[in-house]
Amino acid sequence: MTDDELERYARHLILREIGGQGQAKLRNARVLSIGVGGLGSPLLLYLAAAGVGTLGIVDDDIVSLSNLQRQVLFTSQSVGKLKTETAKQTLSGLNDGVAIQVFNERIVPENALSICGDYDLVCDGSDNFDTRYLVNQTCAELGIPLIAGAIGQWDGQLSVYAPHLNAPCYACVFPERPEADVAATCAEAGVVGALPGIVGSMMAMEAIKHITGAGDSLAGRLWIYDALSAETRTLKVSRRADCEMCSRYG
């Protein structure tokens, strides 16, 4: 490491669970973020700060004024600009040693394999079930671990899905899409601004743990956070014998 890197990552280097070897693993890692909104913003900020060598960002949206209540990568001057390019500029300013790759497009069946296939970890912070199930299928097919978070109003959840490691996939835990009136979007139901910061930071934590091998992964467990009661729960989740994704790719 250079002298600058030794100083930048000094707090990591003295952690026995990370140290020099773990920091080298972070530098060599390639992590893809599906979305750069409420969850993607803190996720990417902390992964860039941690020194993850390559970060990919998939999003086709532009910054709107209503985003600024929770999407901390952006400022008032970002409104009307592409989220991907604005995020790249901010993240490069935070850590110019990180390579930022942007995909100014939605992830769809036609491009999912080609985009995700270049990464060794995918983090999904999308806000719709079509994307979530597509990303789950793509990661299962490629044998790539998936860290997926979700938020709504005052509640958040997170897990690591990896059928190739004998952990459940997203479809094991959520085999059917909820009805539209049950799973309203944040635009429809609202969300407290600090909530995605909590869940997105937890996604970054799981990514860092996975890359470095530190601690116990959330694979096989679902972490649930209730902000109104300030309570968290962790539930055990298992592969379903009748899961089509796991039987096909796991």
Protein backbone atom coordinates (compact mmCIF):
# COMPACT_ATOMS: atom_id res chain seq x y z
CA MET A 1 0.00 0.00 0.00
CA THR A 2 1.04 3.58 -0.55
CA ASP A 3 1.52 5.95 2.37
CA ASP A 4 -1.79 7.61 1.51
CA GLU A 5 -3.58 4.26 1.55
CA LEU A 6 -2.02 3.33 4.88
CA GLU A 7 -3.37 6.56 6.36
CA ARG A 8 -6.76 6.42 4.63
CA TYR A 9 -7.52 2.87 5.76
CA ALA A 10 -5.71 2.99 9.11
CA ARG A 11 -8.85 2.23 11.12
CA HIS A 12 -9.47 -0.87 9.01
CA LEU A 13 -5.89 -2.04 9.15
CA ILE A 14 -5.87 -2.25 12.94
CA LEU A 15 -9.02 -4.39 13.00
CA ARG A 16 -7.97 -8.01 13.35
CA GLU A 17 -10.96 -9.09 11.23
CA ILE A 18 -9.80 -6.92 8.30
CA GLY A 19 -6.14 -5.92 8.53
CA GLY A 20 -3.93 -5.72 5.46
CA GLN A 21 -5.27 -8.88 3.85
CA GLY A 22 -8.89 -7.80 4.24
CA GLN A 23 -8.14 -4.36 2.85
CA ALA A 24 -6.48 -5.97 -0.15
CA LYS A 25 -9.63 -8.05 -0.68
CA LEU A 26 -11.71 -4.86 -0.61
CA ARG A 27 -9.39 -3.25 -3.16
CA ASN A 28 -9.77 -6.25 -5.48
CA ALA A 29 -13.55 -6.52 -5.08
CA ARG A 30 -16.12 -5.59 -7.72
CA VAL A 31 -19.54 -4.64 -6.35
CA LEU A 32 -22.62 -3.66 -8.36
CA SER A 33 -25.41 -1.48 -6.96
CA ILE A 34 -28.83 -1.82 -8.55
CA GLY A 35 -30.18 1.68 -8.06
CA VAL A 36 -28.64 4.80 -6.58
CA GLY A 37 -31.57 6.07 -4.55
CA GLY A 38 -32.28 5.99 -0.84
CA LEU A 39 -30.52 2.67 -0.26
CA GLY A 40 -27.90 2.98 -2.97
CA SER A 41 -26.66 6.36 -1.72
CA PRO A 42 -25.36 5.29 1.72
CA LEU A 43 -24.37 1.89 0.36
CA LEU A 44 -22.11 3.40 -2.28
CA LEU A 45 -20.71 6.10 -0.02
CA TYR A 46 -19.55 3.57 2.55
CA LEU A 47 -18.23 1.11 -0.02
CA ALA A 48 -16.23 3.85 -1.71
CA ALA A 49 -14.93 5.06 1.65
CA ALA A 50 -13.98 1.48 2.53
CA GLY A 51 -11.83 1.20 -0.59
CA VAL A 52 -13.83 -1.29 -2.67
CA GLY A 53 -11.82 -1.30 -5.88
CA THR A 54 -14.61 -1.23 -8.46
CA LEU A 55 -18.16 -0.01 -7.98
CA GLY A 56 -20.86 -0.35 -10.62
CA ILE A 57 -24.05 1.72 -10.60
CA VAL A 58 -27.21 0.89 -12.55
CA ASP A 59 -29.90 3.60 -12.73
CA ASP A 60 -31.67 5.46 -15.51
CA ASP A 61 -33.24 8.20 -13.41
CA ILE A 62 -32.45 11.88 -12.95
CA VAL A 63 -32.27 13.66 -9.60
CA SER A 64 -35.50 15.32 -8.48
CA LEU A 65 -36.08 17.70 -5.60
CA SER A 66 -38.14 15.07 -3.75
CA ASN A 67 -35.09 12.75 -3.72
CA LEU A 68 -33.07 15.05 -1.50
CA GLN A 69 -35.03 14.17 1.66
CA ARG A 70 -33.20 10.81 1.78
CA GLN A 71 -30.78 10.34 -1.15
CA VAL A 72 -27.65 11.72 0.45
CA LEU A 73 -25.37 11.41 -2.57
CA PHE A 74 -27.06 14.42 -4.15
CA THR A 75 -27.41 18.14 -3.48
CA SER A 76 -29.75 20.86 -4.69
CA GLN A 77 -27.31 21.48 -7.55
CA SER A 78 -27.83 17.86 -8.69
CA VAL A 79 -31.52 18.32 -9.53
CA GLY A 80 -32.19 17.54 -13.20
CA LYS A 81 -28.89 15.68 -13.67
CA LEU A 82 -28.34 11.96 -14.25
CA LYS A 83 -28.10 10.09 -10.96
CA THR A 84 -25.33 7.82 -12.21
CA GLU A 85 -23.03 10.59 -13.38
CA THR A 86 -23.68 12.75 -10.31
CA ALA A 87 -23.01 9.77 -8.05
CA LYS A 88 -19.79 8.99 -9.90
CA GLN A 89 -18.55 12.54 -9.40
CA THR A 90 -19.34 12.50 -5.68
CA LEU A 91 -17.85 9.06 -5.06
CA SER A 92 -14.68 9.89 -7.00
CA GLY A 93 -14.32 13.01 -4.87
CA LEU A 94 -14.57 10.88 -1.75
CA ASN A 95 -12.05 8.28 -2.95
CA ASP A 96 -10.27 8.69 -6.27
CA GLY A 97 -8.71 5.23 -5.85
CA VAL A 98 -12.05 3.58 -6.60
CA ALA A 99 -13.06 2.85 -10.21
CA ILE A 100 -16.69 3.83 -10.85
CA GLN A 101 -18.57 2.20 -13.72
CA VAL A 102 -21.99 3.59 -14.60
CA PHE A 103 -24.90 2.10 -16.53
CA ASN A 104 -27.42 4.81 -17.30
CA GLU A 105 -30.19 2.33 -18.01
CA ARG A 106 -32.71 0.11 -16.27
CA ILE A 107 -31.75 -3.48 -15.63
CA VAL A 108 -33.99 -5.66 -17.80
CA PRO A 109 -33.88 -9.28 -18.99
CA GLU A 110 -31.94 -8.26 -22.11
CA ASN A 111 -28.98 -6.73 -20.22
CA ALA A 112 -29.07 -8.30 -16.74
CA LEU A 113 -26.58 -11.11 -17.39
CA SER A 114 -24.08 -8.91 -19.21
CA ILE A 115 -24.13 -6.21 -16.51
CA CYS A 116 -24.12 -8.42 -13.41
CA GLY A 117 -21.66 -10.93 -14.84
CA ASP A 118 -18.73 -8.53 -14.47
CA TYR A 119 -19.13 -8.31 -10.68
CA ASP A 120 -18.56 -10.67 -7.77
CA LEU A 121 -21.25 -9.18 -5.49
CA VAL A 122 -24.57 -7.50 -6.29
CA CYS A 123 -26.48 -5.17 -3.97
CA ASP A 124 -30.12 -4.52 -4.83
CA GLY A 125 -31.77 -1.36 -3.54
CA SER A 126 -34.47 -1.20 -6.21
CA ASP A 127 -38.02 -0.16 -5.45
CA ASN A 128 -40.09 -2.60 -7.51
CA PHE A 129 -40.67 -6.34 -7.50
CA ASP A 130 -40.04 -6.87 -11.22
CA THR A 131 -36.45 -5.73 -10.73
CA ARG A 132 -35.99 -7.64 -7.48
CA TYR A 133 -37.07 -10.96 -8.97
CA LEU A 134 -35.02 -10.36 -12.12
CA VAL A 135 -31.87 -9.54 -10.14
CA ASN A 136 -32.44 -12.59 -7.93
CA GLN A 137 -32.76 -14.86 -10.97
CA THR A 138 -29.68 -13.33 -12.59
CA CYS A 139 -27.52 -13.70 -9.47
CA ALA A 140 -28.72 -17.28 -8.95
CA GLU A 141 -27.89 -18.15 -12.54
CA LEU A 142 -24.43 -16.56 -12.31
CA GLY A 143 -23.66 -17.87 -8.82
CA ILE A 144 -23.17 -14.37 -7.42
CA PRO A 145 -24.20 -13.47 -3.85
CA LEU A 146 -27.02 -10.93 -3.64
CA ILE A 147 -27.49 -8.43 -0.82
CA ALA A 148 -31.05 -7.10 -1.04
CA GLY A 149 -32.60 -4.40 1.13
CA ALA A 150 -36.08 -2.91 1.18
CA ILE A 151 -37.75 -0.03 3.00
CA GLY A 152 -41.21 1.44 3.43
CA GLN A 153 -42.58 4.13 5.73
CA TRP A 154 -40.83 3.24 9.05
CA ASP A 155 -39.74 -0.36 8.35
CA GLY A 156 -36.73 -1.91 6.68
CA GLN A 157 -35.37 -5.37 5.97
CA LEU A 158 -32.22 -6.95 4.62
CA SER A 159 -30.73 -10.35 3.82
CA VAL A 160 -27.96 -12.02 1.85
CA TYR A 161 -29.24 -14.46 -0.79
CA ALA A 162 -26.88 -17.12 -2.12
CA PRO A 163 -28.35 -20.46 -3.25
CA HIS A 164 -24.95 -21.52 -4.61
CA LEU A 165 -23.73 -21.36 -0.98
CA ASN A 166 -26.74 -23.36 0.23
CA ALA A 167 -28.52 -20.24 1.51
CA PRO A 168 -32.01 -19.29 0.27
CA CYS A 169 -32.58 -17.03 -2.70
CA TYR A 170 -34.95 -14.06 -2.64
CA ALA A 171 -37.75 -16.14 -4.15
CA CYS A 172 -37.43 -18.70 -1.33
CA VAL A 173 -38.29 -16.04 1.22
CA PHE A 174 -40.74 -14.09 -0.95
CA PRO A 175 -42.21 -16.66 -3.37
CA GLU A 176 -45.12 -14.46 -4.43
CA ARG A 177 -45.42 -10.77 -5.10
CA PRO A 178 -47.66 -8.98 -2.63
CA GLU A 179 -50.77 -7.25 -3.89
CA ALA A 180 -50.22 -3.72 -5.14
CA ASP A 181 -52.24 -2.18 -2.30
CA VAL A 182 -50.12 -4.04 0.27
CA ALA A 183 -46.70 -3.16 -1.16
CA ALA A 184 -47.04 0.52 -2.02
CA THR A 185 -43.95 2.37 -3.23
CA CYS A 186 -42.25 5.03 -1.13
CA ALA A 187 -43.77 7.65 -3.42
CA GLU A 188 -47.22 6.29 -2.63
CA ALA A 189 -46.85 5.46 1.08
CA GLY A 190 -44.00 7.71 2.19
CA VAL A 191 -40.73 6.93 3.96
CA VAL A 192 -38.92 8.65 6.82
CA GLY A 193 -35.70 10.12 5.46
CA ALA A 194 -33.22 8.51 7.86
CA LEU A 195 -34.53 4.96 7.32
CA PRO A 196 -32.74 4.23 4.02
CA GLY A 197 -29.55 5.53 5.63
CA ILE A 198 -29.82 2.83 8.27
CA VAL A 199 -30.69 -0.02 5.92
CA GLY A 200 -28.30 1.10 3.18
CA SER A 201 -25.46 1.29 5.70
CA MET A 202 -26.33 -2.21 6.88
CA MET A 203 -26.12 -3.37 3.25
CA ALA A 204 -22.63 -1.86 3.04
CA MET A 205 -21.70 -3.61 6.28
CA GLU A 206 -22.82 -6.99 4.93
CA ALA A 207 -20.87 -6.35 1.72
CA ILE A 208 -17.69 -5.52 3.66
CA LYS A 209 -18.14 -8.61 5.85
CA HIS A 210 -18.72 -10.83 2.82
CA ILE A 211 -15.67 -9.52 0.99
CA THR A 212 -13.30 -9.73 3.95
CA GLY A 213 -14.77 -12.85 5.55
CA ALA A 214 -15.37 -11.04 8.84
CA GLY A 215 -18.12 -12.11 11.23
CA ASP A 216 -21.34 -13.94 10.46
CA SER A 217 -23.23 -13.22 7.27
CA LEU A 218 -26.97 -12.58 7.09
CA ALA A 219 -27.19 -15.45 4.58
CA GLY A 220 -29.99 -17.65 5.92
CA ARG A 221 -31.30 -14.85 8.11
CA LEU A 222 -33.67 -11.93 7.50
CA TRP A 223 -32.92 -8.74 9.45
CA ILE A 224 -35.99 -6.59 10.14
CA TYR A 225 -35.96 -3.06 11.58
CA ASP A 226 -38.94 -1.17 13.02
CA ALA A 227 -37.91 2.46 13.42
CA LEU A 228 -41.05 3.54 15.30
CA SER A 229 -40.41 1.07 18.13
CA ALA A 230 -36.61 1.13 17.74
CA GLU A 231 -36.65 -2.67 17.60
CA THR A 232 -34.86 -5.16 15.39
CA ARG A 233 -35.52 -8.83 14.77
CA THR A 234 -33.52 -11.45 12.95
CA LEU A 235 -35.46 -14.41 11.56
CA LYS A 236 -34.01 -17.65 10.26
CA VAL A 237 -34.92 -18.33 6.64
CA SER A 238 -34.30 -21.50 4.66
CA ARG A 239 -34.27 -22.72 1.09
CA ARG A 240 -37.63 -24.00 -0.13
CA ALA A 241 -37.55 -27.46 -1.66
CA ASP A 242 -40.01 -26.32 -4.33
CA CYS A 243 -38.19 -23.07 -5.22
CA GLU A 244 -37.80 -22.92 -8.98
CA MET A 245 -34.76 -20.65 -8.82
CA CYS A 246 -32.83 -22.82 -6.38
CA SER A 247 -33.70 -26.06 -8.15
CA ARG A 248 -32.56 -24.59 -11.44
CA TYR A 249 -29.44 -22.73 -10.39
CA GLY A 250 -28.64 -23.47 -6.73
